Each structure stands twice: as structure tokens, then as C-alpha cells.
Amino acid sequence: QVQLVESGGGSVQAGGSLRLSCAASGYTSYNYCMGWFRQAPGKEREGVALVTSGGAVIYYADSVKGRFTVSRDNAKNTLYLQMNSLKPEDTAMYYCAAYRPPGSAGTYYCRAKESYNIWGQGTQVTVSS
């Protein structure tokens, strides 16, 4: 059973930076799509960034493009999200998620945000103005 554990959240002022990490365990192969999602109070959960099993970035939410960078280190079984130029509207609970598709975990399967079905417990990010 794959387990995901996020860390790195916290409180920062607008313009600051944070780096989130997601440690994965229980993998039997690397054929998993992975991504970051977030949910702000009173809002639906949204996808932030998605990567293929090989680490290719296939999606950034428009609201984070140019400010956030997602990366994946399969040797360390870890997914990262570098967040720069943070804004108050980035305040949310951030979740790491994974999905093992029926085929190769490339763009075709990994772009389907609704398919992600393995979730971490979340890490809170609060950005003050």
C-alpha cells in the first residue's frame, strides 16, 4: 500500500517562499503519476501541478505558473513543490497525491486529475499580506 507524507508547510508573508516535500513509501514500481493539489476553506480542491512517472511536468494551474516548480526524485521516492512569490490567495491545505494507471504513467493518464486516488494527510500553507 502506497503511503504519502507531506511536510514543509508553514506561515509566511506575501512574497516569501516555501518548499513542500512528499515522501512516498510502499511502492512496488515507479509507474505512478504524482501531483500536488490544494484546498482553501470554502473552496473545491484544485490541481496545482502534475508529473509523470519519469518526472515530466505536464500541468500547472494558471494561478501558479511562473511561481511554483514541481519536481520528482524517484531515487528518493520524493515529490517536491517549490513555491516562490507566495500570495495570500495561495493559502490552503496542500495535498500530495498519486495514481497508478492501467498503462504507462505518462501524459495521457497523468493529466486526468480526477483519477488520483492515493492521498497524503496534507500540509497547511498560510500566506499573510
C-alpha atoms as a PDB file:
ATOM      1  CA  GLN A   1       0.000   0.000   0.000  1.00  0.00           C
ATOM      2  CA  VAL A   2       1.464   3.331  -1.085  1.00  0.00           C
ATOM      3  CA  GLN A   3       1.607   5.968   1.615  1.00  0.00           C
ATOM      4  CA  LEU A   4       2.309   9.658   1.137  1.00  0.00           C
ATOM      5  CA  VAL A   5       3.541  12.029   3.825  1.00  0.00           C
ATOM      6  CA  GLU A   6       3.778  15.771   3.172  1.00  0.00           C
ATOM      7  CA  SER A   7       5.981  18.228   5.020  1.00  0.00           C
ATOM      8  CA  GLY A   8       7.268  21.758   4.662  1.00  0.00           C
ATOM      9  CA  GLY A   9       4.133  23.812   5.119  1.00  0.00           C
ATOM     10  CA  GLY A  10       4.001  26.844   7.367  1.00  0.00           C
ATOM     11  CA  SER A  11       3.204  30.511   7.630  1.00  0.00           C
ATOM     12  CA  VAL A  12       4.966  33.106   5.511  1.00  0.00           C
ATOM     13  CA  GLN A  13       4.445  36.672   4.429  1.00  0.00           C
ATOM     14  CA  ALA A  14       3.436  37.535   0.903  1.00  0.00           C
ATOM     15  CA  GLY A  15       6.403  37.358  -1.417  1.00  0.00           C
ATOM     16  CA  GLY A  16       8.042  34.614   0.590  1.00  0.00           C
ATOM     17  CA  SER A  17       8.901  31.051  -0.351  1.00  0.00           C
ATOM     18  CA  LEU A  18       8.247  27.552   0.909  1.00  0.00           C
ATOM     19  CA  ARG A  19       9.292  24.117  -0.277  1.00  0.00           C
ATOM     20  CA  LEU A  20       6.911  21.253   0.213  1.00  0.00           C
ATOM     21  CA  SER A  21       8.052  17.639   0.201  1.00  0.00           C
ATOM     22  CA  CYS A  22       6.081  14.441  -0.214  1.00  0.00           C
ATOM     23  CA  ALA A  23       7.749  11.222   0.865  1.00  0.00           C
ATOM     24  CA  ALA A  24       6.285   8.116  -0.711  1.00  0.00           C
ATOM     25  CA  SER A  25       6.597   4.599   0.632  1.00  0.00           C
ATOM     26  CA  GLY A  26       5.209   1.198  -0.250  1.00  0.00           C
ATOM     27  CA  TYR A  27       5.925   1.462  -3.960  1.00  0.00           C
ATOM     28  CA  THR A  28       6.313  -1.754  -5.912  1.00  0.00           C
ATOM     29  CA  SER A  29       7.235   0.174  -9.053  1.00  0.00           C
ATOM     30  CA  TYR A  30       7.732   3.761 -10.171  1.00  0.00           C
ATOM     31  CA  ASN A  31       4.772   3.616 -12.519  1.00  0.00           C
ATOM     32  CA  TYR A  32       2.777   6.211 -10.614  1.00  0.00           C
ATOM     33  CA  CYS A  33       1.524   9.611 -11.602  1.00  0.00           C
ATOM     34  CA  MET A  34       2.063  12.157  -8.848  1.00  0.00           C
ATOM     35  CA  GLY A  35       0.866  15.631  -8.163  1.00  0.00           C
ATOM     36  CA  TRP A  36       0.084  18.448  -5.789  1.00  0.00           C
ATOM     37  CA  PHE A  37      -3.426  19.622  -5.052  1.00  0.00           C
ATOM     38  CA  ARG A  38      -4.740  22.258  -2.693  1.00  0.00           C
ATOM     39  CA  GLN A  39      -7.968  23.173  -0.984  1.00  0.00           C
ATOM     40  CA  ALA A  40      -8.751  26.533   0.532  1.00  0.00           C
ATOM     41  CA  PRO A  41     -11.553  26.978   3.083  1.00  0.00           C
ATOM     42  CA  GLY A  42     -14.924  27.032   1.370  1.00  0.00           C
ATOM     43  CA  LYS A  43     -13.464  26.108  -2.000  1.00  0.00           C
ATOM     44  CA  GLU A  44     -13.165  22.945  -4.007  1.00  0.00           C
ATOM     45  CA  ARG A  45      -9.899  21.077  -4.201  1.00  0.00           C
ATOM     46  CA  GLU A  46      -7.866  22.058  -7.243  1.00  0.00           C
ATOM     47  CA  GLY A  47      -4.904  20.608  -9.021  1.00  0.00           C
ATOM     48  CA  VAL A  48      -1.704  22.601  -8.678  1.00  0.00           C
ATOM     49  CA  ALA A  49       0.945  20.579 -10.530  1.00  0.00           C
ATOM     50  CA  LEU A  50       1.197  17.107 -12.050  1.00  0.00           C
ATOM     51  CA  VAL A  51       4.147  14.966 -13.121  1.00  0.00           C
ATOM     52  CA  THR A  52       4.597  11.672 -14.919  1.00  0.00           C
ATOM     53  CA  SER A  53       6.463   8.677 -13.540  1.00  0.00           C
ATOM     54  CA  GLY A  54       9.588   9.954 -15.244  1.00  0.00           C
ATOM     55  CA  GLY A  55       9.247  13.391 -13.705  1.00  0.00           C
ATOM     56  CA  ALA A  56       7.964  15.245 -16.764  1.00  0.00           C
ATOM     57  CA  VAL A  57       5.803  18.178 -15.702  1.00  0.00           C
ATOM     58  CA  ILE A  58       2.514  18.046 -17.545  1.00  0.00           C
ATOM     59  CA  TYR A  59       0.369  20.555 -15.701  1.00  0.00           C
ATOM     60  CA  TYR A  60       0.500  23.727 -13.661  1.00  0.00           C
ATOM     61  CA  ALA A  61      -2.565  25.618 -12.589  1.00  0.00           C
ATOM     62  CA  ASP A  62      -2.657  29.006 -14.305  1.00  0.00           C
ATOM     63  CA  SER A  63      -2.590  30.724 -10.942  1.00  0.00           C
ATOM     64  CA  VAL A  64       0.823  29.272 -10.053  1.00  0.00           C
ATOM     65  CA  LYS A  65       2.632  29.290 -13.388  1.00  0.00           C
ATOM     66  CA  GLY A  66       5.951  31.082 -13.146  1.00  0.00           C
ATOM     67  CA  ARG A  67       5.942  30.951  -9.345  1.00  0.00           C
ATOM     68  CA  PHE A  68       5.763  27.253  -8.424  1.00  0.00           C
ATOM     69  CA  THR A  69       8.056  24.468  -9.574  1.00  0.00           C
ATOM     70  CA  VAL A  70       7.300  20.780  -9.137  1.00  0.00           C
ATOM     71  CA  SER A  71       9.986  18.123  -9.266  1.00  0.00           C
ATOM     72  CA  ARG A  72      10.253  14.429  -8.608  1.00  0.00           C
ATOM     73  CA  ASP A  73      13.210  12.417  -7.344  1.00  0.00           C
ATOM     74  CA  ASN A  74      12.482   8.733  -7.880  1.00  0.00           C
ATOM     75  CA  ALA A  75      15.740   7.690  -6.226  1.00  0.00           C
ATOM     76  CA  LYS A  76      14.451   9.287  -3.022  1.00  0.00           C
ATOM     77  CA  ASN A  77      10.770   8.483  -3.614  1.00  0.00           C
ATOM     78  CA  THR A  78      10.030  12.147  -3.069  1.00  0.00           C
ATOM     79  CA  LEU A  79       7.932  14.788  -4.787  1.00  0.00           C
ATOM     80  CA  TYR A  80       8.677  18.468  -4.222  1.00  0.00           C
ATOM     81  CA  LEU A  81       6.872  21.736  -4.742  1.00  0.00           C
ATOM     82  CA  GLN A  82       8.977  24.887  -4.640  1.00  0.00           C
ATOM     83  CA  MET A  83       6.688  27.844  -4.083  1.00  0.00           C
ATOM     84  CA  ASN A  84       8.043  31.345  -4.668  1.00  0.00           C
ATOM     85  CA  SER A  85       6.421  34.768  -4.670  1.00  0.00           C
ATOM     86  CA  LEU A  86       3.645  33.453  -2.487  1.00  0.00           C
ATOM     87  CA  LYS A  87       0.377  35.343  -2.375  1.00  0.00           C
ATOM     88  CA  PRO A  88      -2.395  35.349   0.245  1.00  0.00           C
ATOM     89  CA  GLU A  89      -4.604  33.510  -2.243  1.00  0.00           C
ATOM     90  CA  ASP A  90      -2.156  30.590  -2.105  1.00  0.00           C
ATOM     91  CA  THR A  91      -3.318  29.932   1.444  1.00  0.00           C
ATOM     92  CA  ALA A  92      -4.685  26.380   1.526  1.00  0.00           C
ATOM     93  CA  MET A  93      -4.128  22.847   2.679  1.00  0.00           C
ATOM     94  CA  TYR A  94      -1.739  21.268   0.198  1.00  0.00           C
ATOM     95  CA  TYR A  95      -2.027  17.591  -0.584  1.00  0.00           C
ATOM     96  CA  CYS A  96       0.283  15.190  -2.345  1.00  0.00           C
ATOM     97  CA  ALA A  97      -1.496  12.623  -4.483  1.00  0.00           C
ATOM     98  CA  ALA A  98      -0.637   9.598  -6.577  1.00  0.00           C
ATOM     99  CA  TYR A  99      -2.308   7.355  -9.105  1.00  0.00           C
ATOM    100  CA  ARG A 100      -1.230   4.079 -10.652  1.00  0.00           C
ATOM    101  CA  PRO A 101      -2.754   3.935 -14.118  1.00  0.00           C
ATOM    102  CA  PRO A 102      -3.569   0.782 -16.073  1.00  0.00           C
ATOM    103  CA  GLY A 103      -0.824   1.631 -18.551  1.00  0.00           C
ATOM    104  CA  SER A 104       2.365   3.659 -18.585  1.00  0.00           C
ATOM    105  CA  ALA A 105       2.230   6.640 -16.199  1.00  0.00           C
ATOM    106  CA  GLY A 106       2.799   9.222 -18.900  1.00  0.00           C
ATOM    107  CA  THR A 107       0.969  12.302 -20.067  1.00  0.00           C
ATOM    108  CA  TYR A 108      -2.152  10.502 -21.262  1.00  0.00           C
ATOM    109  CA  TYR A 109      -3.059   9.066 -17.870  1.00  0.00           C
ATOM    110  CA  CYS A 110      -1.358  11.509 -15.531  1.00  0.00           C
ATOM    111  CA  ARG A 111      -3.201  14.563 -16.834  1.00  0.00           C
ATOM    112  CA  ALA A 112      -6.514  13.177 -15.524  1.00  0.00           C
ATOM    113  CA  LYS A 113      -6.738  14.983 -12.193  1.00  0.00           C
ATOM    114  CA  GLU A 114      -9.890  13.114 -11.211  1.00  0.00           C
ATOM    115  CA  SER A 115      -8.022   9.789 -11.310  1.00  0.00           C
ATOM    116  CA  TYR A 116      -5.697  10.500  -8.407  1.00  0.00           C
ATOM    117  CA  ASN A 117      -6.773   8.207  -5.608  1.00  0.00           C
ATOM    118  CA  ILE A 118      -3.906   7.993  -3.130  1.00  0.00           C
ATOM    119  CA  TRP A 119      -3.656  10.980  -0.819  1.00  0.00           C
ATOM    120  CA  GLY A 120      -1.421  12.275   1.914  1.00  0.00           C
ATOM    121  CA  GLN A 121      -2.719  13.912   5.058  1.00  0.00           C
ATOM    122  CA  GLY A 122      -1.947  17.424   3.822  1.00  0.00           C
ATOM    123  CA  THR A 123       0.252  20.274   4.984  1.00  0.00           C
ATOM    124  CA  GLN A 124      -1.068  23.764   5.699  1.00  0.00           C
ATOM    125  CA  VAL A 125       0.312  26.796   3.889  1.00  0.00           C
ATOM    126  CA  THR A 126      -0.712  30.210   5.178  1.00  0.00           C
ATOM    127  CA  VAL A 127       0.372  33.399   3.428  1.00  0.00           C
ATOM    128  CA  SER A 128      -0.243  36.716   5.138  1.00  0.00           C
ATOM    129  CA  SER A 129      -0.361  40.089   3.440  1.00  0.00           C
END
